[in-house]
C-alpha atoms as a PDB file:
ATOM      1  CA  MET A   1     -64.249 -25.655 -74.438  1.00  0.00           C
ATOM      2  CA  GLU A   2     -60.787 -26.901 -73.801  1.00  0.00           C
ATOM      3  CA  ASN A   3     -59.292 -24.903 -70.867  1.00  0.00           C
ATOM      4  CA  VAL A   4     -62.233 -22.986 -70.058  1.00  0.00           C
ATOM      5  CA  ASP A   5     -63.060 -22.791 -66.515  1.00  0.00           C
ATOM      6  CA  ILE A   6     -66.666 -20.932 -66.536  1.00  0.00           C
ATOM      7  CA  VAL A   7     -69.269 -19.980 -69.873  1.00  0.00           C
ATOM      8  CA  ALA A   8     -71.475 -17.297 -68.599  1.00  0.00           C
ATOM      9  CA  ASN A   9     -73.608 -14.708 -69.959  1.00  0.00           C
ATOM     10  CA  LEU A  10     -72.555 -11.675 -69.455  1.00  0.00           C
ATOM     11  CA  GLU A  11     -75.246  -9.645 -70.552  1.00  0.00           C
ATOM     12  CA  GLU A  12     -77.004 -11.341 -66.781  1.00  0.00           C
ATOM     13  CA  GLY A  13     -74.220 -10.393 -64.843  1.00  0.00           C
ATOM     14  CA  LEU A  14     -71.638 -12.146 -62.511  1.00  0.00           C
ATOM     15  CA  ALA A  15     -74.057 -13.206 -59.830  1.00  0.00           C
ATOM     16  CA  PHE A  16     -71.944 -16.826 -60.142  1.00  0.00           C
ATOM     17  CA  LEU A  17     -68.704 -14.948 -58.998  1.00  0.00           C
ATOM     18  CA  PRO A  18     -68.501 -13.611 -54.721  1.00  0.00           C
ATOM     19  CA  ASP A  19     -68.623  -9.722 -53.411  1.00  0.00           C
ATOM     20  CA  ALA A  20     -64.982  -8.672 -53.610  1.00  0.00           C
ATOM     21  CA  SER A  21     -63.322 -11.886 -54.993  1.00  0.00           C
ATOM     22  CA  VAL A  22     -61.361 -11.133 -57.934  1.00  0.00           C
ATOM     23  CA  ASP A  23     -57.443  -9.786 -57.267  1.00  0.00           C
ATOM     24  CA  LYS A  24     -57.988  -9.485 -61.569  1.00  0.00           C
ATOM     25  CA  LEU A  25     -60.085  -8.346 -64.559  1.00  0.00           C
ATOM     26  CA  TYR A  26     -59.220  -8.027 -67.985  1.00  0.00           C
ATOM     27  CA  ALA A  27     -61.152  -7.709 -71.009  1.00  0.00           C
ATOM     28  CA  ARG A  28     -60.343  -6.396 -74.028  1.00  0.00           C
ATOM     29  CA  SER A  29     -63.011  -5.367 -76.842  1.00  0.00           C
ATOM     30  CA  LEU A  30     -65.639  -6.959 -74.815  1.00  0.00           C
ATOM     31  CA  LEU A  31     -67.175  -4.336 -73.669  1.00  0.00           C
ATOM     32  CA  GLU A  32     -68.761  -2.894 -76.753  1.00  0.00           C
ATOM     33  CA  HIS A  33     -70.894  -5.761 -77.281  1.00  0.00           C
ATOM     34  CA  ILE A  34     -72.853  -5.105 -74.179  1.00  0.00           C
ATOM     35  CA  ASN A  35     -76.299  -4.008 -73.856  1.00  0.00           C
ATOM     36  CA  ASN A  36     -76.710  -3.546 -70.289  1.00  0.00           C
ATOM     37  CA  PHE A  37     -73.097  -1.961 -69.983  1.00  0.00           C
ATOM     38  CA  ASP A  38     -74.457   0.052 -66.622  1.00  0.00           C
ATOM     39  CA  ARG A  39     -74.937  -3.574 -64.924  1.00  0.00           C
ATOM     40  CA  LEU A  40     -71.955  -5.232 -66.201  1.00  0.00           C
ATOM     41  CA  LEU A  41     -69.725  -2.612 -64.895  1.00  0.00           C
ATOM     42  CA  THR A  42     -72.032  -2.437 -61.566  1.00  0.00           C
ATOM     43  CA  GLU A  43     -70.883  -6.034 -61.032  1.00  0.00           C
ATOM     44  CA  VAL A  44     -67.324  -5.681 -62.170  1.00  0.00           C
ATOM     45  CA  ILE A  45     -67.048  -3.072 -59.303  1.00  0.00           C
ATOM     46  CA  ARG A  46     -68.586  -5.719 -56.974  1.00  0.00           C
ATOM     47  CA  VAL A  47     -66.638  -8.547 -57.502  1.00  0.00           C
ATOM     48  CA  LEU A  48     -63.453  -6.775 -57.242  1.00  0.00           C
ATOM     49  CA  LYS A  49     -61.111  -6.772 -54.350  1.00  0.00           C
ATOM     50  CA  SER A  50     -61.060  -3.197 -52.693  1.00  0.00           C
ATOM     51  CA  ASP A  51     -57.492  -3.641 -54.171  1.00  0.00           C
ATOM     52  CA  GLY A  52     -57.902  -5.215 -56.572  1.00  0.00           C
ATOM     53  CA  VAL A  53     -57.776  -3.585 -60.276  1.00  0.00           C
ATOM     54  CA  CYS A  54     -59.514  -3.839 -64.007  1.00  0.00           C
ATOM     55  CA  HIS A  55     -57.838  -3.555 -67.434  1.00  0.00           C
ATOM     56  CA  LEU A  56     -59.886  -2.804 -70.061  1.00  0.00           C
ATOM     57  CA  LEU A  57     -59.227  -2.010 -73.999  1.00  0.00           C
ATOM     58  CA  VAL A  58     -62.433  -0.503 -75.699  1.00  0.00           C
ATOM     59  CA  PRO A  59     -63.147   1.472 -78.920  1.00  0.00           C
ATOM     60  CA  HIS A  60     -62.474   5.425 -79.128  1.00  0.00           C
ATOM     61  CA  PHE A  61     -65.744   6.837 -81.320  1.00  0.00           C
ATOM     62  CA  SER A  62     -63.708   8.350 -84.013  1.00  0.00           C
ATOM     63  CA  ASN A  63     -62.535   5.007 -84.612  1.00  0.00           C
ATOM     64  CA  PRO A  64     -63.483   4.165 -87.971  1.00  0.00           C
ATOM     65  CA  TYR A  65     -63.166   0.409 -87.919  1.00  0.00           C
ATOM     66  CA  HIS A  66     -65.082  -0.128 -85.086  1.00  0.00           C
ATOM     67  CA  TYR A  67     -68.241   0.375 -86.899  1.00  0.00           C
ATOM     68  CA  SER A  68     -68.036  -1.730 -89.657  1.00  0.00           C
ATOM     69  CA  ASP A  69     -68.605  -4.335 -87.044  1.00  0.00           C
ATOM     70  CA  PRO A  70     -72.083  -4.858 -86.580  1.00  0.00           C
ATOM     71  CA  THR A  71     -71.849  -6.348 -82.877  1.00  0.00           C
ATOM     72  CA  HIS A  72     -70.567  -3.652 -81.404  1.00  0.00           C
ATOM     73  CA  VAL A  73     -73.959  -1.598 -79.401  1.00  0.00           C
ATOM     74  CA  ARG A  74     -71.362   1.209 -77.629  1.00  0.00           C
ATOM     75  CA  PHE A  75     -68.401   3.409 -78.499  1.00  0.00           C
ATOM     76  CA  PHE A  76     -66.433   4.794 -75.639  1.00  0.00           C
ATOM     77  CA  GLY A  77     -65.035   9.037 -75.064  1.00  0.00           C
ATOM     78  CA  LEU A  78     -62.089  10.315 -72.514  1.00  0.00           C
ATOM     79  CA  TYR A  79     -64.967  10.611 -70.091  1.00  0.00           C
ATOM     80  CA  SER A  80     -67.189   7.682 -70.412  1.00  0.00           C
ATOM     81  CA  PHE A  81     -65.648   6.400 -67.718  1.00  0.00           C
ATOM     82  CA  LEU A  82     -66.057   9.615 -65.181  1.00  0.00           C
ATOM     83  CA  TYR A  83     -69.438   9.223 -65.098  1.00  0.00           C
ATOM     84  CA  TYR A  84     -67.833   6.257 -62.529  1.00  0.00           C
ATOM     85  CA  SER A  85     -65.680   8.375 -60.579  1.00  0.00           C
ATOM     86  CA  HIS A  86     -65.978  11.181 -57.920  1.00  0.00           C
ATOM     87  CA  SER A  87     -61.535  10.520 -58.789  1.00  0.00           C
ATOM     88  CA  GLU A  88     -59.243  14.007 -59.020  1.00  0.00           C
ATOM     89  CA  LYS A  89     -56.574  12.372 -59.851  1.00  0.00           C
ATOM     90  CA  LEU A  90     -57.332  12.706 -63.755  1.00  0.00           C
ATOM     91  CA  GLN A  91     -57.593  16.559 -63.721  1.00  0.00           C
ATOM     92  CA  PHE A  92     -59.970  17.291 -66.608  1.00  0.00           C
ATOM     93  CA  LYS A  93     -61.660  20.792 -67.255  1.00  0.00           C
ATOM     94  CA  ARG A  94     -64.588  18.999 -68.134  1.00  0.00           C
ATOM     95  CA  GLN A  95     -66.865  18.211 -65.121  1.00  0.00           C
ATOM     96  CA  VAL A  96     -69.474  15.075 -65.754  1.00  0.00           C
ATOM     97  CA  PRO A  97     -72.451  14.586 -63.093  1.00  0.00           C
ATOM     98  CA  THR A  98     -71.194  11.029 -61.158  1.00  0.00           C
ATOM     99  CA  PHE A  99     -75.262  10.444 -60.240  1.00  0.00           C
ATOM    100  CA  TYR A 100     -76.710   8.246 -62.884  1.00  0.00           C
ATOM    101  CA  THR A 101     -75.154   5.433 -60.606  1.00  0.00           C
ATOM    102  CA  GLU A 102     -74.316   4.676 -57.404  1.00  0.00           C
ATOM    103  CA  SER A 103     -71.498   2.574 -58.567  1.00  0.00           C
ATOM    104  CA  ARG A 104     -67.959   4.022 -58.231  1.00  0.00           C
ATOM    105  CA  LEU A 105     -64.731   3.491 -59.217  1.00  0.00           C
ATOM    106  CA  GLU A 106     -60.812   4.311 -58.556  1.00  0.00           C
ATOM    107  CA  ILE A 107     -59.195   5.202 -62.101  1.00  0.00           C
ATOM    108  CA  ILE A 108     -55.535   4.811 -62.028  1.00  0.00           C
ATOM    109  CA  SER A 109     -54.577   5.467 -65.723  1.00  0.00           C
ATOM    110  CA  LEU A 110     -56.455   6.158 -69.012  1.00  0.00           C
ATOM    111  CA  LYS A 111     -54.807   6.353 -72.587  1.00  0.00           C
ATOM    112  CA  LEU A 112     -55.625   6.852 -75.501  1.00  0.00           C
ATOM    113  CA  ARG A 113     -54.900   4.468 -77.507  1.00  0.00           C
ATOM    114  CA  PHE A 114     -53.577   4.951 -81.862  1.00  0.00           C
ATOM    115  CA  ARG A 115     -53.120   1.580 -84.020  1.00  0.00           C
ATOM    116  CA  SER A 116     -53.101   1.471 -87.606  1.00  0.00           C
ATOM    117  CA  PRO A 117     -53.107  -2.558 -89.362  1.00  0.00           C
ATOM    118  CA  PHE A 118     -51.197  -1.110 -91.795  1.00  0.00           C
ATOM    119  CA  LYS A 119     -47.315  -1.302 -91.285  1.00  0.00           C
ATOM    120  CA  GLY A 120     -46.412   2.682 -92.819  1.00  0.00           C
ATOM    121  CA  ARG A 121     -48.569   4.214 -90.485  1.00  0.00           C
ATOM    122  CA  LYS A 122     -47.553   2.159 -87.608  1.00  0.00           C
ATOM    123  CA  TRP A 123     -44.970   4.964 -86.182  1.00  0.00           C
ATOM    124  CA  TRP A 124     -46.946   7.980 -87.457  1.00  0.00           C
ATOM    125  CA  LYS A 125     -49.633   6.252 -84.567  1.00  0.00           C
ATOM    126  CA  ARG A 126     -47.211   5.964 -82.187  1.00  0.00           C
ATOM    127  CA  LEU A 127     -46.341   9.532 -82.184  1.00  0.00           C
ATOM    128  CA  HIS A 128     -49.634  10.722 -81.538  1.00  0.00           C
ATOM    129  CA  GLU A 129     -50.215   8.242 -78.595  1.00  0.00           C
ATOM    130  CA  LYS A 130     -47.335   9.694 -77.172  1.00  0.00           C
ATOM    131  CA  ILE A 131     -48.814  13.665 -77.774  1.00  0.00           C
ATOM    132  CA  PHE A 132     -51.873  13.129 -77.053  1.00  0.00           C
ATOM    133  CA  ASN A 133     -51.111  11.627 -74.137  1.00  0.00           C
ATOM    134  CA  LEU A 134     -49.044  13.637 -72.101  1.00  0.00           C
ATOM    135  CA  SER A 135     -51.451  15.534 -70.189  1.00  0.00           C
ATOM    136  CA  PRO A 136     -54.740  14.798 -68.991  1.00  0.00           C
ATOM    137  CA  TRP A 137     -55.382  19.001 -71.003  1.00  0.00           C
ATOM    138  CA  MET A 138     -53.668  17.249 -73.816  1.00  0.00           C
ATOM    139  CA  GLN A 139     -56.505  14.368 -74.205  1.00  0.00           C
ATOM    140  CA  GLU A 140     -58.922  16.561 -73.774  1.00  0.00           C
ATOM    141  CA  PHE A 141     -57.815  18.945 -76.219  1.00  0.00           C
ATOM    142  CA  TYR A 142     -57.541  15.710 -78.980  1.00  0.00           C
ATOM    143  CA  GLU A 143     -60.726  14.541 -78.648  1.00  0.00           C
ATOM    144  CA  GLU A 144     -62.602  18.069 -78.792  1.00  0.00           C
ATOM    145  CA  ASN A 145     -60.593  19.084 -81.336  1.00  0.00           C
ATOM    146  CA  LEU A 146     -59.049  16.481 -83.791  1.00  0.00           C
ATOM    147  CA  CYS A 147     -60.309  13.131 -83.273  1.00  0.00           C
ATOM    148  CA  TYR A 148     -62.188  12.586 -86.443  1.00  0.00           C
ATOM    149  CA  LEU A 149     -58.489  14.013 -88.026  1.00  0.00           C
ATOM    150  CA  PHE A 150     -56.884  11.466 -86.753  1.00  0.00           C
ATOM    151  CA  PRO A 151     -58.805   8.372 -85.497  1.00  0.00           C
ATOM    152  CA  CYS A 152     -57.982   7.444 -82.287  1.00  0.00           C
ATOM    153  CA  TYR A 153     -58.067   3.385 -81.632  1.00  0.00           C
ATOM    154  CA  GLY A 154     -59.349   2.844 -78.823  1.00  0.00           C
ATOM    155  CA  ILE A 155     -59.052   3.578 -74.870  1.00  0.00           C
ATOM    156  CA  THR A 156     -56.850   1.697 -71.609  1.00  0.00           C
ATOM    157  CA  ILE A 157     -58.304   2.050 -68.766  1.00  0.00           C
ATOM    158  CA  GLU A 158     -57.261   0.761 -64.835  1.00  0.00           C
ATOM    159  CA  PHE A 159     -59.548   1.405 -62.268  1.00  0.00           C
ATOM    160  CA  HIS A 160     -60.203  -0.034 -58.564  1.00  0.00           C
ATOM    161  CA  PRO A 161     -62.988   0.131 -56.655  1.00  0.00           C
ATOM    162  CA  ASP A 162     -63.953   3.049 -54.579  1.00  0.00           C
ATOM    163  CA  ARG A 163     -65.428   1.584 -51.446  1.00  0.00           C
ATOM    164  CA  ASP A 164     -65.574   4.403 -49.412  1.00  0.00           C
ATOM    165  CA  ARG A 165     -68.379   5.752 -52.602  1.00  0.00           C
ATOM    166  CA  LEU A 166     -68.809   2.687 -53.525  1.00  0.00           C
ATOM    167  CA  LYS A 167     -73.001   2.525 -52.919  1.00  0.00           C
ATOM    168  CA  VAL A 168     -73.391  -1.692 -53.936  1.00  0.00           C
ATOM    169  CA  SER A 169     -72.207  -4.704 -52.740  1.00  0.00           C
ATOM    170  CA  GLY A 170     -68.924  -5.277 -52.134  1.00  0.00           C
ATOM    171  CA  GLY A 171     -66.276  -5.344 -49.858  1.00  0.00           C
END
């Protein structure tokens, strides 16, 4: 393949990359196809430099379009990445356990994204996005009460490794 540096099976992790060697990592509409999400996320945290940033777009569980793709094995909600974070920055009311994994990340940004393939509905979706991302309280209110009335396209998240709490290898 032209202009491709690395071809890899991400289900097998990122062993071909050294610890703490990546400045930025971008993945858009990828993680919903991964069977072993925990393993890959642990590997992403391992290969990111301490000040490295991962930018992700993942589908929200309320998005009806994502259910029609038979290659999707998972969907995400507002709290999905909080299981990997002790971050108090987001100030969500609902607390989730973090003992399922030793991998740790520090969330920089977490936003609900509203999109539509239909021209006339785009402005309506943009309005939802502005309103529901006003605060963590609004995000939680949306996901608990309104997500099936006004389906969300996806979630964007930015994070870096939380090296102070990280128990996997890495610098």
